[in-house]
N, C-alpha and C. Protein backbone atom coordinates (compact mmCIF):
# COMPACT_ATOMS: atom_id res chain seq x y z
N MET A 1 0.84 -1.17 0.00
CA MET A 1 0.00 0.00 0.00
C MET A 1 0.89 1.25 0.00
N ILE A 2 0.58 2.19 -0.86
CA ILE A 2 1.32 3.43 -0.94
C ILE A 2 0.84 4.36 0.17
N ARG A 3 1.79 4.96 0.88
CA ARG A 3 1.44 5.89 1.95
C ARG A 3 1.83 7.29 1.52
N TYR A 4 0.92 8.21 1.74
CA TYR A 4 1.16 9.61 1.41
C TYR A 4 1.12 10.44 2.68
N SER A 5 1.91 11.51 2.69
CA SER A 5 1.83 12.47 3.78
C SER A 5 1.89 13.87 3.17
N CYS A 6 1.28 14.81 3.84
CA CYS A 6 1.26 16.19 3.38
C CYS A 6 2.66 16.77 3.51
N ASP A 7 3.14 17.38 2.43
CA ASP A 7 4.48 17.95 2.44
C ASP A 7 4.55 19.27 3.20
N MET A 8 3.41 19.85 3.58
CA MET A 8 3.44 21.08 4.38
C MET A 8 3.33 20.79 5.88
N CYS A 9 2.34 20.00 6.26
CA CYS A 9 2.11 19.79 7.70
C CYS A 9 2.57 18.42 8.19
N GLY A 10 2.83 17.47 7.28
CA GLY A 10 3.31 16.16 7.66
C GLY A 10 2.22 15.15 8.02
N ARG A 11 0.96 15.58 7.97
CA ARG A 11 -0.15 14.70 8.31
C ARG A 11 -0.26 13.56 7.29
N SER A 12 -0.58 12.35 7.76
CA SER A 12 -0.80 11.22 6.86
C SER A 12 -2.06 11.45 6.04
N ILE A 13 -2.00 11.10 4.77
CA ILE A 13 -3.15 11.21 3.88
C ILE A 13 -3.56 9.79 3.50
N ILE A 14 -4.74 9.40 3.93
CA ILE A 14 -5.26 8.06 3.65
C ILE A 14 -6.11 8.15 2.37
N PRO A 15 -5.68 7.49 1.29
CA PRO A 15 -6.36 7.63 -0.01
C PRO A 15 -7.86 7.30 0.02
N GLU A 16 -8.25 6.35 0.84
CA GLU A 16 -9.67 5.97 0.89
C GLU A 16 -10.53 6.98 1.65
N GLU A 17 -9.90 7.79 2.51
CA GLU A 17 -10.65 8.69 3.37
C GLU A 17 -10.42 10.17 3.06
N ASP A 18 -9.23 10.53 2.64
CA ASP A 18 -8.86 11.92 2.45
C ASP A 18 -8.66 12.25 0.98
N VAL A 19 -8.79 13.53 0.68
CA VAL A 19 -8.47 14.02 -0.67
C VAL A 19 -7.02 14.46 -0.66
N ARG A 20 -6.27 13.98 -1.64
CA ARG A 20 -4.86 14.37 -1.77
C ARG A 20 -4.73 15.28 -2.99
N TYR A 21 -4.08 16.41 -2.79
CA TYR A 21 -3.85 17.36 -3.87
C TYR A 21 -2.38 17.32 -4.26
N VAL A 22 -2.11 17.43 -5.55
CA VAL A 22 -0.74 17.43 -6.07
C VAL A 22 -0.45 18.83 -6.62
N ILE A 23 0.64 19.41 -6.15
CA ILE A 23 1.09 20.71 -6.63
C ILE A 23 2.36 20.47 -7.43
N LYS A 24 2.38 20.94 -8.69
CA LYS A 24 3.57 20.84 -9.53
C LYS A 24 4.03 22.25 -9.88
N ILE A 25 5.32 22.49 -9.72
CA ILE A 25 5.89 23.80 -10.00
C ILE A 25 7.06 23.61 -10.95
N GLU A 26 7.13 24.46 -11.97
CA GLU A 26 8.25 24.48 -12.89
C GLU A 26 8.97 25.81 -12.72
N ALA A 27 10.28 25.78 -12.62
CA ALA A 27 11.08 26.99 -12.52
C ALA A 27 12.11 26.97 -13.64
N TYR A 28 12.11 28.03 -14.45
CA TYR A 28 13.06 28.12 -15.54
C TYR A 28 13.26 29.58 -15.91
N SER A 29 14.36 29.86 -16.56
CA SER A 29 14.65 31.24 -16.95
C SER A 29 13.76 31.61 -18.13
N ALA A 30 13.30 32.84 -18.12
CA ALA A 30 12.47 33.34 -19.20
C ALA A 30 13.37 33.71 -20.36
N CYS A 31 13.08 33.16 -21.51
CA CYS A 31 13.85 33.46 -22.71
C CYS A 31 13.08 34.50 -23.51
N GLU A 32 13.57 35.72 -23.46
CA GLU A 32 12.89 36.80 -24.16
C GLU A 32 13.69 37.18 -25.40
N PRO A 33 13.01 37.55 -26.49
CA PRO A 33 13.75 37.98 -27.68
C PRO A 33 14.50 39.27 -27.42
N MET A 34 15.62 39.42 -28.10
CA MET A 34 16.40 40.65 -27.95
C MET A 34 15.68 41.80 -28.64
N ASP A 35 16.02 43.04 -28.26
CA ASP A 35 15.41 44.22 -28.88
C ASP A 35 15.58 44.17 -30.38
N GLY A 36 14.50 44.46 -31.11
CA GLY A 36 14.55 44.48 -32.56
C GLY A 36 14.32 43.12 -33.19
N ASP A 37 14.32 42.05 -32.41
CA ASP A 37 14.12 40.71 -32.95
C ASP A 37 12.68 40.24 -32.81
N ASP A 38 11.77 41.09 -32.37
CA ASP A 38 10.40 40.67 -32.13
C ASP A 38 9.74 40.10 -33.38
N GLU A 39 9.97 40.72 -34.55
CA GLU A 39 9.32 40.22 -35.75
C GLU A 39 9.97 38.95 -36.26
N ASP A 40 11.22 38.69 -35.85
CA ASP A 40 11.92 37.48 -36.28
C ASP A 40 11.72 36.31 -35.33
N PHE A 41 11.07 36.57 -34.21
CA PHE A 41 10.88 35.52 -33.21
C PHE A 41 9.96 34.45 -33.76
N ASP A 42 10.41 33.21 -33.74
CA ASP A 42 9.69 32.10 -34.36
C ASP A 42 8.98 31.28 -33.29
N GLU A 43 7.65 31.34 -33.27
CA GLU A 43 6.87 30.58 -32.29
C GLU A 43 7.04 29.08 -32.48
N GLU A 44 7.39 28.64 -33.68
CA GLU A 44 7.55 27.21 -33.93
C GLU A 44 8.71 26.63 -33.13
N LEU A 45 9.71 27.44 -32.82
CA LEU A 45 10.83 26.95 -32.02
C LEU A 45 10.35 26.50 -30.65
N ILE A 46 9.40 27.22 -30.08
CA ILE A 46 8.85 26.84 -28.78
C ILE A 46 8.05 25.56 -28.91
N ASP A 47 7.29 25.42 -29.99
CA ASP A 47 6.47 24.23 -30.19
C ASP A 47 7.31 22.98 -30.43
N ASP A 48 8.56 23.16 -30.90
CA ASP A 48 9.43 22.02 -31.18
C ASP A 48 9.94 21.35 -29.91
N PHE A 49 9.84 22.01 -28.77
CA PHE A 49 10.26 21.42 -27.49
C PHE A 49 9.21 20.39 -27.10
N ASP A 50 9.53 19.12 -27.19
CA ASP A 50 8.54 18.08 -26.93
C ASP A 50 8.94 17.25 -25.71
N GLU A 51 8.21 16.16 -25.49
CA GLU A 51 8.44 15.32 -24.32
C GLU A 51 9.82 14.68 -24.31
N GLU A 52 10.35 14.36 -25.49
CA GLU A 52 11.69 13.78 -25.55
C GLU A 52 12.73 14.76 -25.01
N ASP A 53 12.59 16.02 -25.37
CA ASP A 53 13.52 17.04 -24.85
C ASP A 53 13.40 17.15 -23.35
N GLU A 54 12.18 17.09 -22.83
CA GLU A 54 11.97 17.19 -21.39
C GLU A 54 12.59 15.99 -20.68
N GLU A 55 12.45 14.78 -21.27
CA GLU A 55 13.06 13.58 -20.68
C GLU A 55 14.57 13.70 -20.66
N GLU A 56 15.15 14.28 -21.71
CA GLU A 56 16.60 14.46 -21.74
C GLU A 56 17.05 15.36 -20.60
N LEU A 57 16.28 16.42 -20.32
CA LEU A 57 16.62 17.30 -19.20
C LEU A 57 16.58 16.55 -17.87
N GLU A 58 15.60 15.67 -17.71
CA GLU A 58 15.44 14.94 -16.46
C GLU A 58 16.52 13.87 -16.28
N ASN A 59 17.10 13.38 -17.39
CA ASN A 59 18.07 12.29 -17.32
C ASN A 59 19.52 12.75 -17.23
N PHE A 60 19.77 14.06 -17.12
CA PHE A 60 21.13 14.56 -16.94
C PHE A 60 21.69 14.08 -15.60
N ASP A 61 23.03 13.99 -15.53
CA ASP A 61 23.67 13.74 -14.24
C ASP A 61 23.44 14.95 -13.34
N SER A 62 23.58 14.76 -12.04
CA SER A 62 23.33 15.87 -11.11
C SER A 62 24.28 17.03 -11.37
N ASP A 63 25.53 16.75 -11.77
CA ASP A 63 26.47 17.84 -12.08
C ASP A 63 26.01 18.63 -13.28
N GLU A 64 25.46 17.95 -14.28
CA GLU A 64 24.98 18.63 -15.47
C GLU A 64 23.72 19.42 -15.17
N GLN A 65 22.87 18.92 -14.27
CA GLN A 65 21.62 19.60 -13.98
C GLN A 65 21.85 20.94 -13.30
N GLU A 66 22.94 21.10 -12.57
CA GLU A 66 23.22 22.38 -11.94
C GLU A 66 23.42 23.47 -12.98
N ASP A 67 23.90 23.10 -14.17
CA ASP A 67 24.13 24.06 -15.23
C ASP A 67 22.84 24.42 -15.96
N VAL A 68 21.81 23.61 -15.85
CA VAL A 68 20.56 23.83 -16.56
C VAL A 68 19.66 24.70 -15.69
N ASP A 69 19.03 25.69 -16.30
CA ASP A 69 18.16 26.61 -15.58
C ASP A 69 16.71 26.10 -15.59
N TYR A 70 16.49 24.83 -15.30
CA TYR A 70 15.15 24.25 -15.31
C TYR A 70 15.02 23.30 -14.13
N LYS A 71 13.97 23.47 -13.35
CA LYS A 71 13.77 22.63 -12.17
C LYS A 71 12.28 22.42 -11.98
N THR A 72 11.90 21.19 -11.64
CA THR A 72 10.51 20.91 -11.34
C THR A 72 10.39 20.45 -9.89
N PHE A 73 9.24 20.77 -9.29
CA PHE A 73 8.94 20.38 -7.93
C PHE A 73 7.56 19.75 -7.91
N ARG A 74 7.36 18.76 -7.04
CA ARG A 74 6.06 18.09 -6.90
C ARG A 74 5.80 17.90 -5.41
N PHE A 75 4.61 18.34 -4.97
CA PHE A 75 4.25 18.24 -3.56
C PHE A 75 2.87 17.63 -3.41
N ASP A 76 2.69 16.81 -2.39
CA ASP A 76 1.38 16.27 -2.02
C ASP A 76 0.87 17.09 -0.84
N LEU A 77 -0.38 17.55 -0.92
CA LEU A 77 -0.96 18.34 0.15
C LEU A 77 -2.30 17.77 0.60
N CYS A 78 -2.59 17.91 1.89
CA CYS A 78 -3.91 17.57 2.41
C CYS A 78 -4.87 18.70 2.03
N SER A 79 -6.15 18.52 2.25
CA SER A 79 -7.12 19.53 1.82
C SER A 79 -6.95 20.85 2.57
N LYS A 80 -6.61 20.79 3.85
CA LYS A 80 -6.43 22.02 4.64
C LYS A 80 -5.24 22.83 4.12
N CYS A 81 -4.11 22.18 3.90
CA CYS A 81 -2.92 22.87 3.39
C CYS A 81 -3.11 23.32 1.95
N HIS A 82 -3.88 22.57 1.18
CA HIS A 82 -4.18 22.98 -0.20
C HIS A 82 -4.93 24.30 -0.21
N SER A 83 -5.90 24.45 0.68
CA SER A 83 -6.65 25.70 0.78
C SER A 83 -5.72 26.86 1.17
N LYS A 84 -4.83 26.62 2.12
CA LYS A 84 -3.87 27.65 2.53
C LYS A 84 -2.95 28.01 1.37
N TYR A 85 -2.50 27.01 0.63
CA TYR A 85 -1.59 27.24 -0.49
C TYR A 85 -2.26 28.09 -1.56
N LEU A 86 -3.52 27.81 -1.87
CA LEU A 86 -4.21 28.57 -2.91
C LEU A 86 -4.40 30.03 -2.52
N GLN A 87 -4.51 30.31 -1.24
CA GLN A 87 -4.67 31.69 -0.78
C GLN A 87 -3.37 32.48 -0.84
N ASP A 88 -2.24 31.80 -0.72
CA ASP A 88 -0.94 32.48 -0.70
C ASP A 88 0.15 31.55 -1.24
N PRO A 89 0.15 31.29 -2.56
CA PRO A 89 1.06 30.28 -3.12
C PRO A 89 2.54 30.58 -2.93
N LEU A 90 2.94 31.84 -2.87
CA LEU A 90 4.35 32.18 -2.71
C LEU A 90 4.70 32.56 -1.27
N SER A 91 3.77 32.39 -0.36
CA SER A 91 3.95 32.71 1.06
C SER A 91 4.33 34.17 1.29
N ILE A 92 3.86 35.03 0.43
CA ILE A 92 4.18 36.46 0.53
C ILE A 92 3.54 37.06 1.78
N LYS A 93 2.30 36.70 2.05
CA LYS A 93 1.62 37.25 3.23
C LYS A 93 2.31 36.84 4.51
N SER A 94 2.73 35.60 4.61
CA SER A 94 3.38 35.14 5.84
C SER A 94 4.76 35.75 6.00
N ILE A 95 5.45 36.03 4.90
CA ILE A 95 6.77 36.67 4.97
C ILE A 95 6.61 38.11 5.46
N ARG A 96 5.66 38.83 4.92
CA ARG A 96 5.41 40.22 5.33
C ARG A 96 4.99 40.28 6.79
N ARG A 97 4.19 39.33 7.20
CA ARG A 97 3.68 39.31 8.57
C ARG A 97 4.82 39.08 9.57
N SER A 98 5.82 38.29 9.20
CA SER A 98 6.89 37.97 10.14
C SER A 98 7.97 39.04 10.22
N ARG A 99 7.97 40.01 9.33
CA ARG A 99 9.00 41.05 9.34
C ARG A 99 8.85 42.03 10.50
N PHE A 100 7.62 42.34 10.87
CA PHE A 100 7.39 43.37 11.87
C PHE A 100 6.73 42.77 13.10
N SER A 101 7.21 43.15 14.25
CA SER A 101 6.57 42.71 15.48
C SER A 101 5.51 43.73 15.87
N GLU A 102 4.45 43.27 16.49
CA GLU A 102 3.39 44.16 16.93
C GLU A 102 3.71 44.64 18.34
N ASN A 103 3.99 45.91 18.50
CA ASN A 103 4.32 46.48 19.81
C ASN A 103 3.17 47.29 20.34
């Protein structure tokens, strides 16, 4: 039996009883055309990136992956943490709240 736990709070998620949410995040550098190249920018180049290319990125050695500006993350969340995540996905509110003490 596969066991899941929430990656935020650590609570066990029982598949038969609880709803499990999966959060996937991709981080990569934005490739923007250089000034004056807007009309020459070819949308087909973006479409040519397919699943094989993505698999090649995932199969690099760890040393090679450090040089690549692409990273994926996958998290399992319980329903309570999923609701919290949707309200503040980048934790901006909690960061701002912790900067100042209430005197």
